[in-house]
């Protein structure tokens, strides 16, 4: 597998992943599985690192999903497998296995993906998207790491106007607003009020277009 990682200022976890991909001694890398939100983040985190090297990430839940023996001597397998299930694996393909700390603590000395250092990895992702100075975005993602992909996309599109809130805007808000607009149209029309309602609806949709 060819390695050509060009990202600078790697976080410690990114370095561990880089060394694992380029190494020939180990085919399994362990990570600490803390909760679902952090698992979503680390799948994205690893995907971004592998993408720099034209390597795909494939999530599996069972050892039988790992495609062993399909690569010839003259081909390279440009895939790395990832799982958040406990898999006993001794094959030749590269596998990243996230498990509870009690199951991986014996591997700490040899290097594991330490999810407790997620703040450093969030900063790493932001820096490589030229967003290292966006402190509000960083604080939001510390509480919502699973939202990193959509929030970065949303931020890049709406960079001048984006507002971060740690309480999600519910669909009921837009529904209620539309009902208010409907009632306003049926009564004596106040154009100034109606225009204000339309502007509010546009803002709600704009900041949540990746959610609805």
N, C-alpha and C. Protein backbone atom coordinates (compact mmCIF):
# COMPACT_ATOMS: atom_id res chain seq x y z
N UNK A 1 0.83 -1.19 0.00
CA UNK A 1 0.00 0.00 0.00
C UNK A 1 0.88 1.25 0.00
N UNK A 2 0.70 2.11 -1.00
CA UNK A 2 1.52 3.31 -1.11
C UNK A 2 1.09 4.35 -0.10
N UNK A 3 2.05 5.00 0.53
CA UNK A 3 1.76 6.02 1.51
C UNK A 3 2.32 7.35 1.04
N UNK A 4 1.46 8.36 0.95
CA UNK A 4 1.91 9.68 0.52
C UNK A 4 1.18 10.77 1.30
N UNK A 5 1.07 10.57 2.61
CA UNK A 5 0.39 11.55 3.46
C UNK A 5 1.12 12.88 3.39
N UNK A 6 0.38 13.92 3.01
CA UNK A 6 0.98 15.24 2.85
C UNK A 6 0.46 16.22 3.90
N UNK A 7 -0.46 15.79 4.76
CA UNK A 7 -0.99 16.67 5.78
C UNK A 7 0.13 17.03 6.76
N UNK A 8 0.23 18.30 7.11
CA UNK A 8 1.25 18.73 8.05
C UNK A 8 0.63 18.87 9.44
N UNK A 9 1.50 18.96 10.46
CA UNK A 9 1.06 19.16 11.83
C UNK A 9 0.06 18.08 12.25
N UNK A 10 0.47 16.83 12.12
CA UNK A 10 -0.40 15.72 12.49
C UNK A 10 -0.65 15.70 13.99
N UNK A 11 -1.86 15.36 14.40
CA UNK A 11 -2.12 15.09 15.80
C UNK A 11 -1.50 13.73 16.13
N UNK A 12 -1.40 13.42 17.40
CA UNK A 12 -0.79 12.15 17.80
C UNK A 12 -1.55 10.96 17.22
N UNK A 13 -2.87 11.02 17.26
CA UNK A 13 -3.66 9.93 16.70
C UNK A 13 -3.49 9.82 15.19
N UNK A 14 -3.35 10.96 14.51
CA UNK A 14 -3.11 10.93 13.07
C UNK A 14 -1.77 10.29 12.75
N UNK A 15 -0.76 10.56 13.59
CA UNK A 15 0.56 9.94 13.39
C UNK A 15 0.48 8.42 13.56
N UNK A 16 -0.29 7.99 14.56
CA UNK A 16 -0.45 6.55 14.80
C UNK A 16 -1.10 5.88 13.60
N UNK A 17 -2.11 6.52 13.04
CA UNK A 17 -2.80 5.97 11.87
C UNK A 17 -1.86 5.95 10.67
N UNK A 18 -1.09 7.03 10.49
CA UNK A 18 -0.14 7.09 9.38
C UNK A 18 0.88 5.96 9.49
N UNK A 19 1.45 5.75 10.67
CA UNK A 19 2.45 4.70 10.86
C UNK A 19 1.85 3.31 10.66
N UNK A 20 0.61 3.16 11.07
CA UNK A 20 -0.07 1.87 10.90
C UNK A 20 -0.28 1.55 9.42
N UNK A 21 -0.72 2.54 8.66
CA UNK A 21 -0.97 2.33 7.23
C UNK A 21 0.32 1.99 6.50
N UNK A 22 1.39 2.67 6.87
CA UNK A 22 2.65 2.46 6.18
C UNK A 22 3.46 1.29 6.69
N UNK A 23 3.12 0.78 7.86
CA UNK A 23 3.89 -0.31 8.46
C UNK A 23 3.55 -1.67 7.87
N UNK A 24 4.48 -2.59 8.02
CA UNK A 24 4.28 -3.95 7.52
C UNK A 24 4.21 -4.98 8.63
N UNK A 25 4.44 -4.55 9.87
CA UNK A 25 4.50 -5.50 10.97
C UNK A 25 3.13 -5.82 11.58
N UNK A 26 2.25 -4.81 11.63
CA UNK A 26 0.95 -5.00 12.28
C UNK A 26 -0.20 -4.78 11.29
N UNK A 27 -1.19 -5.66 11.36
CA UNK A 27 -2.36 -5.53 10.50
C UNK A 27 -3.61 -5.11 11.26
N UNK A 28 -3.49 -4.98 12.59
CA UNK A 28 -4.62 -4.54 13.41
C UNK A 28 -4.18 -3.35 14.26
N UNK A 29 -4.96 -2.29 14.20
CA UNK A 29 -4.75 -1.12 15.05
C UNK A 29 -5.99 -0.96 15.92
N UNK A 30 -5.77 -0.77 17.23
CA UNK A 30 -6.91 -0.65 18.14
C UNK A 30 -7.17 0.81 18.49
N UNK A 31 -8.42 1.10 18.76
CA UNK A 31 -8.83 2.43 19.20
C UNK A 31 -9.78 2.28 20.38
N UNK A 32 -9.95 3.35 21.15
CA UNK A 32 -10.84 3.32 22.31
C UNK A 32 -12.24 3.76 21.88
N UNK A 33 -13.19 2.89 22.09
CA UNK A 33 -14.59 3.18 21.75
C UNK A 33 -15.28 3.74 22.99
N UNK A 34 -15.59 5.04 22.98
CA UNK A 34 -16.18 5.69 24.15
C UNK A 34 -17.70 5.75 24.05
N UNK A 35 -18.20 6.31 22.96
CA UNK A 35 -19.64 6.37 22.75
C UNK A 35 -19.91 6.53 21.26
N UNK A 36 -21.18 6.51 20.89
CA UNK A 36 -21.56 6.53 19.48
C UNK A 36 -21.13 7.82 18.79
N UNK A 37 -21.27 8.95 19.48
CA UNK A 37 -20.92 10.23 18.87
C UNK A 37 -19.43 10.29 18.51
N UNK A 38 -18.60 9.82 19.41
CA UNK A 38 -17.16 9.83 19.14
C UNK A 38 -16.79 8.78 18.09
N UNK A 39 -17.55 7.70 18.04
CA UNK A 39 -17.30 6.69 17.00
C UNK A 39 -17.57 7.27 15.61
N UNK A 40 -18.65 8.04 15.49
CA UNK A 40 -18.96 8.69 14.21
C UNK A 40 -17.85 9.65 13.83
N UNK A 41 -17.36 10.41 14.83
CA UNK A 41 -16.27 11.34 14.56
C UNK A 41 -15.05 10.60 14.06
N UNK A 42 -14.65 9.51 14.73
CA UNK A 42 -13.40 8.85 14.37
C UNK A 42 -13.49 8.09 13.04
N UNK A 43 -14.68 7.69 12.67
CA UNK A 43 -14.81 7.11 11.33
C UNK A 43 -14.54 8.19 10.28
N UNK A 44 -15.07 9.40 10.52
CA UNK A 44 -14.82 10.52 9.62
C UNK A 44 -13.35 10.93 9.66
N UNK A 45 -12.78 11.00 10.85
CA UNK A 45 -11.37 11.39 11.05
C UNK A 45 -10.44 10.47 10.26
N UNK A 46 -10.65 9.18 10.38
CA UNK A 46 -9.81 8.21 9.67
C UNK A 46 -10.04 8.28 8.17
N UNK A 47 -11.29 8.47 7.79
CA UNK A 47 -11.62 8.57 6.35
C UNK A 47 -10.87 9.73 5.71
N UNK A 48 -10.79 10.87 6.40
CA UNK A 48 -10.10 12.04 5.85
C UNK A 48 -8.61 11.79 5.69
N UNK A 49 -8.01 11.09 6.64
CA UNK A 49 -6.58 10.78 6.56
C UNK A 49 -6.31 9.81 5.40
N UNK A 50 -7.15 8.79 5.29
CA UNK A 50 -6.96 7.80 4.23
C UNK A 50 -7.20 8.40 2.86
N UNK A 51 -8.13 9.35 2.78
CA UNK A 51 -8.45 9.99 1.50
C UNK A 51 -7.23 10.67 0.90
N UNK A 52 -6.36 11.21 1.74
CA UNK A 52 -5.14 11.86 1.27
C UNK A 52 -4.23 10.88 0.53
N UNK A 53 -4.43 9.59 0.78
CA UNK A 53 -3.58 8.56 0.19
C UNK A 53 -4.34 7.67 -0.79
N UNK A 54 -5.52 8.15 -1.20
CA UNK A 54 -6.35 7.42 -2.15
C UNK A 54 -6.68 6.02 -1.63
N UNK A 55 -6.93 5.95 -0.32
CA UNK A 55 -7.29 4.70 0.32
C UNK A 55 -8.72 4.80 0.82
N UNK A 56 -9.51 3.77 0.59
CA UNK A 56 -10.90 3.76 1.03
C UNK A 56 -11.00 3.17 2.43
N UNK A 57 -12.04 3.58 3.13
CA UNK A 57 -12.34 2.99 4.43
C UNK A 57 -13.64 2.20 4.29
N UNK A 58 -13.64 1.00 4.81
CA UNK A 58 -14.82 0.14 4.73
C UNK A 58 -15.21 -0.31 6.13
N UNK A 59 -16.41 0.05 6.53
CA UNK A 59 -16.88 -0.35 7.86
C UNK A 59 -17.46 -1.76 7.80
N UNK A 60 -17.09 -2.59 8.75
CA UNK A 60 -17.60 -3.96 8.81
C UNK A 60 -18.07 -4.25 10.23
N UNK A 61 -18.98 -5.21 10.35
CA UNK A 61 -19.48 -5.63 11.66
C UNK A 61 -19.17 -7.09 11.94
N UNK A 62 -18.59 -7.77 10.95
CA UNK A 62 -18.33 -9.20 11.08
C UNK A 62 -17.05 -9.54 10.32
N UNK A 63 -16.30 -10.50 10.83
CA UNK A 63 -15.04 -10.87 10.20
C UNK A 63 -15.24 -11.38 8.78
N UNK A 64 -16.42 -11.95 8.50
CA UNK A 64 -16.70 -12.47 7.16
C UNK A 64 -16.86 -11.38 6.12
N UNK A 65 -17.01 -10.13 6.57
CA UNK A 65 -17.14 -9.02 5.63
C UNK A 65 -15.79 -8.51 5.16
N UNK A 66 -14.71 -9.00 5.75
CA UNK A 66 -13.37 -8.61 5.32
C UNK A 66 -12.97 -9.48 4.15
N UNK A 67 -12.70 -8.84 3.03
CA UNK A 67 -12.50 -9.55 1.77
C UNK A 67 -11.07 -10.06 1.64
N UNK A 68 -10.80 -11.19 2.25
CA UNK A 68 -9.46 -11.78 2.22
C UNK A 68 -9.23 -12.56 0.92
N UNK A 69 -8.01 -12.55 0.44
CA UNK A 69 -7.61 -13.42 -0.66
C UNK A 69 -8.06 -13.01 -2.03
N UNK A 70 -8.63 -11.80 -2.17
CA UNK A 70 -9.10 -11.38 -3.48
C UNK A 70 -8.08 -10.55 -4.24
N UNK A 71 -6.96 -10.21 -3.59
CA UNK A 71 -5.95 -9.37 -4.21
C UNK A 71 -4.80 -10.23 -4.72
N UNK A 72 -4.42 -9.99 -5.96
CA UNK A 72 -3.33 -10.78 -6.53
C UNK A 72 -1.99 -10.22 -6.09
N UNK A 73 -0.91 -10.95 -6.44
CA UNK A 73 0.43 -10.51 -6.07
C UNK A 73 0.82 -9.20 -6.76
N UNK A 74 0.13 -8.87 -7.83
CA UNK A 74 0.50 -7.69 -8.62
C UNK A 74 -0.45 -6.52 -8.39
N UNK A 75 -1.34 -6.65 -7.39
CA UNK A 75 -2.29 -5.58 -7.12
C UNK A 75 -2.13 -5.12 -5.67
N UNK A 76 -2.56 -3.90 -5.45
CA UNK A 76 -2.55 -3.36 -4.09
C UNK A 76 -3.98 -3.23 -3.60
N UNK A 77 -4.21 -3.57 -2.34
CA UNK A 77 -5.53 -3.38 -1.76
C UNK A 77 -5.58 -2.00 -1.13
N UNK A 78 -6.21 -1.06 -1.80
CA UNK A 78 -6.28 0.31 -1.30
C UNK A 78 -7.51 0.49 -0.42
N UNK A 79 -7.65 -0.36 0.54
CA UNK A 79 -8.76 -0.30 1.49
C UNK A 79 -8.25 -0.60 2.89
N UNK A 80 -8.85 0.06 3.86
CA UNK A 80 -8.61 -0.24 5.27
C UNK A 80 -9.98 -0.48 5.89
N UNK A 81 -10.09 -1.53 6.66
CA UNK A 81 -11.36 -1.86 7.30
C UNK A 81 -11.43 -1.24 8.68
N UNK A 82 -12.66 -0.91 9.10
CA UNK A 82 -12.86 -0.34 10.42
C UNK A 82 -14.08 -1.01 11.04
N UNK A 83 -14.01 -1.30 12.33
CA UNK A 83 -15.15 -1.89 13.03
C UNK A 83 -15.21 -1.38 14.46
N UNK A 84 -16.42 -1.32 14.98
CA UNK A 84 -16.63 -0.96 16.38
C UNK A 84 -17.19 -2.16 17.15
N UNK A 85 -17.05 -3.34 16.53
CA UNK A 85 -17.42 -4.61 17.15
C UNK A 85 -16.15 -5.35 17.55
N UNK A 86 -16.26 -6.24 18.52
CA UNK A 86 -15.11 -7.03 18.94
C UNK A 86 -14.88 -8.16 17.94
N UNK A 87 -13.77 -8.09 17.21
CA UNK A 87 -13.47 -9.09 16.19
C UNK A 87 -12.09 -9.69 16.47
N UNK A 88 -12.02 -10.99 16.50
CA UNK A 88 -10.73 -11.67 16.60
C UNK A 88 -10.21 -11.87 15.19
N UNK A 89 -9.14 -11.16 14.86
CA UNK A 89 -8.69 -11.12 13.46
C UNK A 89 -7.18 -11.29 13.37
N UNK A 90 -6.77 -12.19 12.50
CA UNK A 90 -5.34 -12.42 12.29
C UNK A 90 -5.02 -12.44 10.79
N UNK A 91 -5.84 -11.79 10.00
CA UNK A 91 -5.66 -11.81 8.54
C UNK A 91 -4.61 -10.82 8.07
N UNK A 92 -4.50 -10.68 6.76
CA UNK A 92 -3.46 -9.85 6.16
C UNK A 92 -3.93 -8.43 5.83
N UNK A 93 -5.26 -8.21 5.78
CA UNK A 93 -5.75 -6.88 5.47
C UNK A 93 -5.62 -5.97 6.69
N UNK A 94 -5.60 -4.67 6.46
CA UNK A 94 -5.49 -3.71 7.55
C UNK A 94 -6.86 -3.49 8.19
N UNK A 95 -6.92 -3.65 9.50
CA UNK A 95 -8.16 -3.48 10.25
C UNK A 95 -7.95 -2.55 11.43
N UNK A 96 -8.84 -1.56 11.58
CA UNK A 96 -8.83 -0.68 12.74
C UNK A 96 -10.03 -1.06 13.60
N UNK A 97 -9.76 -1.52 14.80
CA UNK A 97 -10.80 -2.07 15.67
C UNK A 97 -10.96 -1.21 16.92
N UNK A 98 -12.12 -0.55 17.04
CA UNK A 98 -12.42 0.27 18.22
C UNK A 98 -13.15 -0.59 19.25
N UNK A 99 -12.61 -0.61 20.47
CA UNK A 99 -13.17 -1.41 21.55
C UNK A 99 -13.18 -0.60 22.84
N UNK A 100 -13.98 -1.02 23.85
CA UNK A 100 -13.94 -0.34 25.15
C UNK A 100 -12.52 -0.36 25.72
N UNK A 101 -12.21 0.64 26.54
CA UNK A 101 -10.85 0.78 27.07
C UNK A 101 -10.36 -0.47 27.77
N UNK A 102 -11.23 -1.16 28.50
CA UNK A 102 -10.81 -2.35 29.25
C UNK A 102 -10.27 -3.44 28.33
N UNK A 103 -10.72 -3.42 27.06
CA UNK A 103 -10.28 -4.44 26.11
C UNK A 103 -9.00 -4.06 25.35
N UNK A 104 -8.64 -2.77 25.40
CA UNK A 104 -7.47 -2.34 24.62
C UNK A 104 -6.35 -1.73 25.47
N UNK A 105 -6.57 -1.62 26.78
CA UNK A 105 -5.58 -0.95 27.63
C UNK A 105 -4.22 -1.64 27.60
N UNK A 106 -4.21 -2.95 27.31
CA UNK A 106 -2.93 -3.67 27.25
C UNK A 106 -2.11 -3.28 26.02
N UNK A 107 -2.76 -2.60 25.05
CA UNK A 107 -2.05 -2.19 23.84
C UNK A 107 -1.59 -0.74 23.89
N UNK A 108 -1.87 -0.05 25.00
CA UNK A 108 -1.56 1.39 25.09
C UNK A 108 -0.09 1.68 24.80
N UNK A 109 0.81 0.89 25.32
CA UNK A 109 2.24 1.12 25.13
C UNK A 109 2.69 1.02 23.69
N UNK A 110 2.01 0.18 22.91
CA UNK A 110 2.41 -0.02 21.51
C UNK A 110 1.70 0.93 20.57
N UNK A 111 0.79 1.75 21.09
CA UNK A 111 0.11 2.75 20.28
C UNK A 111 -1.30 2.36 19.92
N UNK A 112 -2.27 3.16 20.39
CA UNK A 112 -3.66 2.97 20.02
C UNK A 112 -4.25 4.34 19.69
N UNK A 113 -5.39 4.36 19.04
CA UNK A 113 -6.09 5.62 18.79
C UNK A 113 -6.81 5.99 20.08
N UNK A 114 -6.31 7.02 20.74
CA UNK A 114 -6.83 7.44 22.04
C UNK A 114 -7.95 8.46 21.85
N UNK A 115 -9.18 7.98 21.93
CA UNK A 115 -10.33 8.85 21.70
C UNK A 115 -10.53 9.89 22.80
N UNK A 116 -9.85 9.72 23.92
CA UNK A 116 -9.93 10.72 24.98
C UNK A 116 -9.17 12.00 24.61
N UNK A 117 -8.41 11.95 23.53
CA UNK A 117 -7.72 13.13 23.02
C UNK A 117 -8.46 13.74 21.83
N UNK A 118 -9.76 13.58 21.83
CA UNK A 118 -10.57 14.00 20.68
C UNK A 118 -10.45 15.50 20.40
N UNK A 119 -10.25 16.32 21.44
CA UNK A 119 -10.13 17.77 21.21
C UNK A 119 -8.97 18.09 20.27
N UNK A 120 -7.86 17.37 20.44
CA UNK A 120 -6.69 17.59 19.58
C UNK A 120 -7.00 17.16 18.14
N UNK A 121 -7.80 16.11 18.00
CA UNK A 121 -8.13 15.63 16.66
C UNK A 121 -9.14 16.55 15.97
N UNK A 122 -10.04 17.15 16.76
CA UNK A 122 -10.95 18.15 16.20
C UNK A 122 -10.16 19.34 15.68
N UNK A 123 -9.19 19.80 16.49
CA UNK A 123 -8.35 20.93 16.07
C UNK A 123 -7.57 20.58 14.80
N UNK A 124 -7.10 19.34 14.72
CA UNK A 124 -6.36 18.88 13.54
C UNK A 124 -7.23 18.96 12.29
N UNK A 125 -8.47 18.48 12.39
CA UNK A 125 -9.39 18.54 11.25
C UNK A 125 -9.69 19.99 10.87
N UNK A 126 -9.95 20.83 11.86
CA UNK A 126 -10.25 22.23 11.57
C UNK A 126 -9.07 22.92 10.90
N UNK A 127 -7.87 22.65 11.39
CA UNK A 127 -6.68 23.29 10.81
C UNK A 127 -6.51 22.89 9.36
N UNK A 128 -6.79 21.65 9.04
CA UNK A 128 -6.63 21.20 7.67
C UNK A 128 -7.79 21.59 6.76
N UNK A 129 -8.76 22.29 7.35
CA UNK A 129 -9.83 22.92 6.57
C UNK A 129 -9.74 24.44 6.66
N UNK A 130 -8.57 24.93 7.13
CA UNK A 130 -8.34 26.38 7.29
C UNK A 130 -9.37 27.03 8.21
N UNK A 131 -9.77 26.30 9.25
CA UNK A 131 -10.75 26.81 10.19
C UNK A 131 -10.20 26.83 11.62
N UNK A 132 -8.88 26.85 11.75
CA UNK A 132 -8.28 26.75 13.08
C UNK A 132 -8.59 27.94 13.99
N UNK A 133 -8.99 29.07 13.40
CA UNK A 133 -9.28 30.26 14.20
C UNK A 133 -10.76 30.39 14.56
N UNK A 134 -11.56 29.43 14.16
CA UNK A 134 -13.00 29.49 14.43
C UNK A 134 -13.30 28.86 15.79
N UNK A 135 -13.15 29.67 16.84
CA UNK A 135 -13.28 29.15 18.21
C UNK A 135 -14.70 28.69 18.53
N UNK A 136 -15.71 29.39 17.98
CA UNK A 136 -17.09 28.99 18.24
C UNK A 136 -17.38 27.62 17.64
N UNK A 137 -16.87 27.39 16.45
CA UNK A 137 -17.06 26.10 15.80
C UNK A 137 -16.38 25.00 16.61
N UNK A 138 -15.18 25.27 17.09
CA UNK A 138 -14.45 24.29 17.90
C UNK A 138 -15.21 23.95 19.17
N UNK A 139 -15.72 24.96 19.87
CA UNK A 139 -16.45 24.72 21.11
C UNK A 139 -17.72 23.92 20.84
N UNK A 140 -18.37 24.20 19.72
CA UNK A 140 -19.58 23.45 19.36
C UNK A 140 -19.25 21.99 19.09
N UNK A 141 -18.18 21.74 18.36
CA UNK A 141 -17.82 20.38 17.98
C UNK A 141 -17.30 19.57 19.17
N UNK A 142 -16.76 20.23 20.16
CA UNK A 142 -16.34 19.52 21.37
C UNK A 142 -17.54 18.84 22.03
N UNK A 143 -18.70 19.48 21.94
CA UNK A 143 -19.92 18.94 22.52
C UNK A 143 -20.68 18.05 21.54
N UNK A 144 -20.41 18.24 20.24
CA UNK A 144 -21.13 17.51 19.20
C UNK A 144 -20.17 16.97 18.15
N UNK A 145 -19.23 16.10 18.53
CA UNK A 145 -18.22 15.65 17.57
C UNK A 145 -18.78 14.90 16.37
N UNK A 146 -19.95 14.27 16.56
CA UNK A 146 -20.57 13.52 15.47
C UNK A 146 -21.07 14.42 14.35
N UNK A 147 -21.14 15.73 14.61
CA UNK A 147 -21.65 16.68 13.62
C UNK A 147 -20.55 17.32 12.79
N UNK A 148 -19.31 16.88 12.93
CA UNK A 148 -18.19 17.60 12.33
C UNK A 148 -18.29 17.71 10.82
N UNK A 149 -18.68 16.66 10.14
CA UNK A 149 -18.71 16.71 8.68
C UNK A 149 -19.76 17.70 8.18
N UNK A 150 -20.98 17.61 8.70
CA UNK A 150 -22.03 18.50 8.23
C UNK A 150 -21.79 19.94 8.67
N UNK A 151 -21.24 20.13 9.87
CA UNK A 151 -21.02 21.50 10.35
C UNK A 151 -19.90 22.19 9.58
N UNK A 152 -18.86 21.45 9.21
CA UNK A 152 -17.80 22.06 8.40
C UNK A 152 -18.34 22.44 7.03
N UNK A 153 -19.13 21.55 6.42
CA UNK A 153 -19.72 21.86 5.12
C UNK A 153 -20.64 23.07 5.23
N UNK A 154 -21.47 23.08 6.26
CA UNK A 154 -22.40 24.18 6.46
C UNK A 154 -21.64 25.49 6.69
N UNK A 155 -20.59 25.40 7.49
CA UNK A 155 -19.80 26.60 7.80
C UNK A 155 -19.13 27.16 6.56
N UNK A 156 -18.59 26.29 5.71
CA UNK A 156 -17.90 26.74 4.51
C UNK A 156 -18.85 27.39 3.52
N UNK A 157 -20.09 26.92 3.51
CA UNK A 157 -21.08 27.50 2.59
C UNK A 157 -21.62 28.81 3.14
N UNK A 158 -21.87 28.84 4.45
CA UNK A 158 -22.46 30.03 5.07
C UNK A 158 -21.48 30.73 6.00
N UNK A 159 -20.24 30.82 5.57
CA UNK A 159 -19.17 31.27 6.48
C UNK A 159 -19.43 32.63 7.10
N UNK A 160 -20.06 33.52 6.37
CA UNK A 160 -20.25 34.88 6.90
C UNK A 160 -21.40 34.97 7.89
N UNK A 161 -22.38 34.07 7.77
CA UNK A 161 -23.60 34.24 8.54
C UNK A 161 -23.90 33.12 9.53
N UNK A 162 -23.10 32.07 9.54
CA UNK A 162 -23.45 30.90 10.34
C UNK A 162 -23.47 31.21 11.83
N UNK A 163 -24.47 30.66 12.53
CA UNK A 163 -24.62 30.83 13.97
C UNK A 163 -24.65 29.45 14.59
N UNK A 164 -23.91 29.24 15.68
CA UNK A 164 -23.85 27.94 16.33
C UNK A 164 -24.72 27.95 17.58
N UNK A 165 -25.48 26.91 17.74
CA UNK A 165 -26.31 26.76 18.93
C UNK A 165 -26.25 25.31 19.37
N UNK A 166 -26.06 25.07 20.65
CA UNK A 166 -25.97 23.71 21.15
C UNK A 166 -27.34 23.11 21.44
N UNK A 167 -28.43 23.85 21.15
CA UNK A 167 -29.77 23.27 21.22
C UNK A 167 -30.29 23.21 19.80
N UNK A 168 -30.67 22.01 19.36
CA UNK A 168 -31.06 21.83 17.97
C UNK A 168 -32.39 22.52 17.69
N UNK A 169 -32.51 23.10 16.48
CA UNK A 169 -33.76 23.69 16.03
C UNK A 169 -34.65 22.56 15.55
N UNK A 170 -35.83 22.43 16.15
CA UNK A 170 -36.71 21.33 15.82
C UNK A 170 -37.52 21.64 14.58
N UNK A 171 -37.97 20.56 13.93
CA UNK A 171 -38.82 20.74 12.75
C UNK A 171 -40.10 21.48 13.12
N UNK A 172 -40.56 21.32 14.36
CA UNK A 172 -41.78 21.99 14.81
C UNK A 172 -41.65 23.51 14.71
N UNK A 173 -40.40 24.03 14.84
CA UNK A 173 -40.20 25.48 14.74
C UNK A 173 -40.58 25.97 13.35
N UNK A 174 -40.13 25.24 12.32
CA UNK A 174 -40.44 25.64 10.95
C UNK A 174 -41.94 25.45 10.69
N UNK A 175 -42.50 24.34 11.21
CA UNK A 175 -43.94 24.10 11.01
C UNK A 175 -44.75 25.21 11.64
N UNK A 176 -44.41 25.59 12.88
CA UNK A 176 -45.14 26.66 13.58
C UNK A 176 -45.03 27.98 12.83
N UNK A 177 -43.86 28.25 12.29
CA UNK A 177 -43.64 29.48 11.55
C UNK A 177 -44.51 29.51 10.29
N UNK A 178 -44.59 28.38 9.60
CA UNK A 178 -45.41 28.31 8.40
C UNK A 178 -46.88 28.50 8.71
N UNK A 179 -47.34 27.97 9.86
CA UNK A 179 -48.72 28.17 10.28
C UNK A 179 -49.00 29.64 10.57
N UNK A 180 -48.00 30.30 11.16
CA UNK A 180 -48.14 31.73 11.45
C UNK A 180 -48.24 32.54 10.16
N UNK A 181 -47.42 32.15 9.15
CA UNK A 181 -47.47 32.81 7.85
C UNK A 181 -48.83 32.59 7.20
N UNK A 182 -49.35 31.35 7.30
CA UNK A 182 -50.65 31.01 6.71
C UNK A 182 -51.76 31.86 7.33
N UNK A 183 -51.74 31.99 8.68
CA UNK A 183 -52.75 32.79 9.35
C UNK A 183 -52.64 34.26 8.98
N UNK A 184 -51.38 34.74 8.86
CA UNK A 184 -51.17 36.15 8.51
C UNK A 184 -51.72 36.48 7.14
N UNK A 185 -51.65 35.52 6.23
CA UNK A 185 -52.15 35.72 4.87
C UNK A 185 -53.67 35.75 4.84
N UNK A 186 -54.31 35.03 5.77
CA UNK A 186 -55.77 34.91 5.76
C UNK A 186 -56.44 36.09 6.46
N UNK A 187 -55.72 36.78 7.32
CA UNK A 187 -56.27 37.94 8.01
C UNK A 187 -55.85 39.20 7.25
N UNK A 188 -56.08 40.36 7.87
CA UNK A 188 -55.66 41.61 7.25
C UNK A 188 -54.15 41.61 7.13
N UNK A 189 -53.66 41.70 5.89
CA UNK A 189 -52.24 41.52 5.64
C UNK A 189 -51.41 42.70 6.15
N UNK A 190 -50.47 42.39 7.02
CA UNK A 190 -49.46 43.35 7.48
C UNK A 190 -48.17 42.99 6.76
N UNK A 191 -47.87 43.71 5.68
CA UNK A 191 -46.73 43.36 4.84
C UNK A 191 -45.42 43.34 5.61
N UNK A 192 -45.24 44.26 6.53
CA UNK A 192 -43.99 44.31 7.30
C UNK A 192 -43.85 43.05 8.16
N UNK A 193 -44.95 42.65 8.81
CA UNK A 193 -44.92 41.44 9.63
C UNK A 193 -44.69 40.19 8.77
N UNK A 194 -45.36 40.15 7.62
CA UNK A 194 -45.24 39.00 6.72
C UNK A 194 -43.81 38.87 6.20
N UNK A 195 -43.21 40.01 5.84
CA UNK A 195 -41.84 40.00 5.36
C UNK A 195 -40.90 39.49 6.44
N UNK A 196 -41.13 39.90 7.68
CA UNK A 196 -40.31 39.43 8.80
C UNK A 196 -40.40 37.93 9.00
N UNK A 197 -41.62 37.40 8.84
CA UNK A 197 -41.82 35.95 8.97
C UNK A 197 -41.10 35.20 7.87
N UNK A 198 -41.18 35.73 6.65
CA UNK A 198 -40.48 35.09 5.53
C UNK A 198 -38.97 35.06 5.76
N UNK A 199 -38.42 36.18 6.25
CA UNK A 199 -36.98 36.24 6.52
C UNK A 199 -36.58 35.21 7.58
N UNK A 200 -37.42 35.07 8.61
CA UNK A 200 -37.13 34.12 9.67
C UNK A 200 -37.14 32.69 9.14
N UNK A 201 -38.09 32.40 8.23
CA UNK A 201 -38.16 31.06 7.65
C UNK A 201 -36.92 30.76 6.83
N UNK A 202 -36.46 31.75 6.05
CA UNK A 202 -35.25 31.56 5.24
C UNK A 202 -34.05 31.25 6.11
N UNK A 203 -33.93 31.97 7.25
CA UNK A 203 -32.80 31.74 8.15
C UNK A 203 -32.84 30.34 8.75
N UNK A 204 -34.01 29.89 9.17
CA UNK A 204 -34.13 28.55 9.73
C UNK A 204 -33.74 27.49 8.73
N UNK A 205 -34.19 27.64 7.50
CA UNK A 205 -33.86 26.66 6.45
C UNK A 205 -32.37 26.72 6.13
N UNK A 206 -31.83 27.93 6.08
CA UNK A 206 -30.44 28.10 5.68
C UNK A 206 -29.49 27.41 6.63
N UNK A 207 -29.74 27.51 7.93
CA UNK A 207 -28.82 26.95 8.91
C UNK A 207 -29.07 25.48 9.17
N UNK A 208 -30.14 24.94 8.57
CA UNK A 208 -30.46 23.54 8.83
C UNK A 208 -30.72 22.75 7.55
N UNK A 209 -30.23 23.24 6.41
CA UNK A 209 -30.53 22.58 5.14
C UNK A 209 -29.89 21.21 5.03
N UNK A 210 -28.85 20.94 5.80
CA UNK A 210 -28.23 19.63 5.76
C UNK A 210 -28.93 18.65 6.70
N UNK A 211 -29.86 19.15 7.51
CA UNK A 211 -30.56 18.29 8.45
C UNK A 211 -31.90 17.85 7.92
N UNK A 212 -32.62 18.75 7.24
CA UNK A 212 -33.97 18.42 6.79
C UNK A 212 -33.98 17.96 5.36
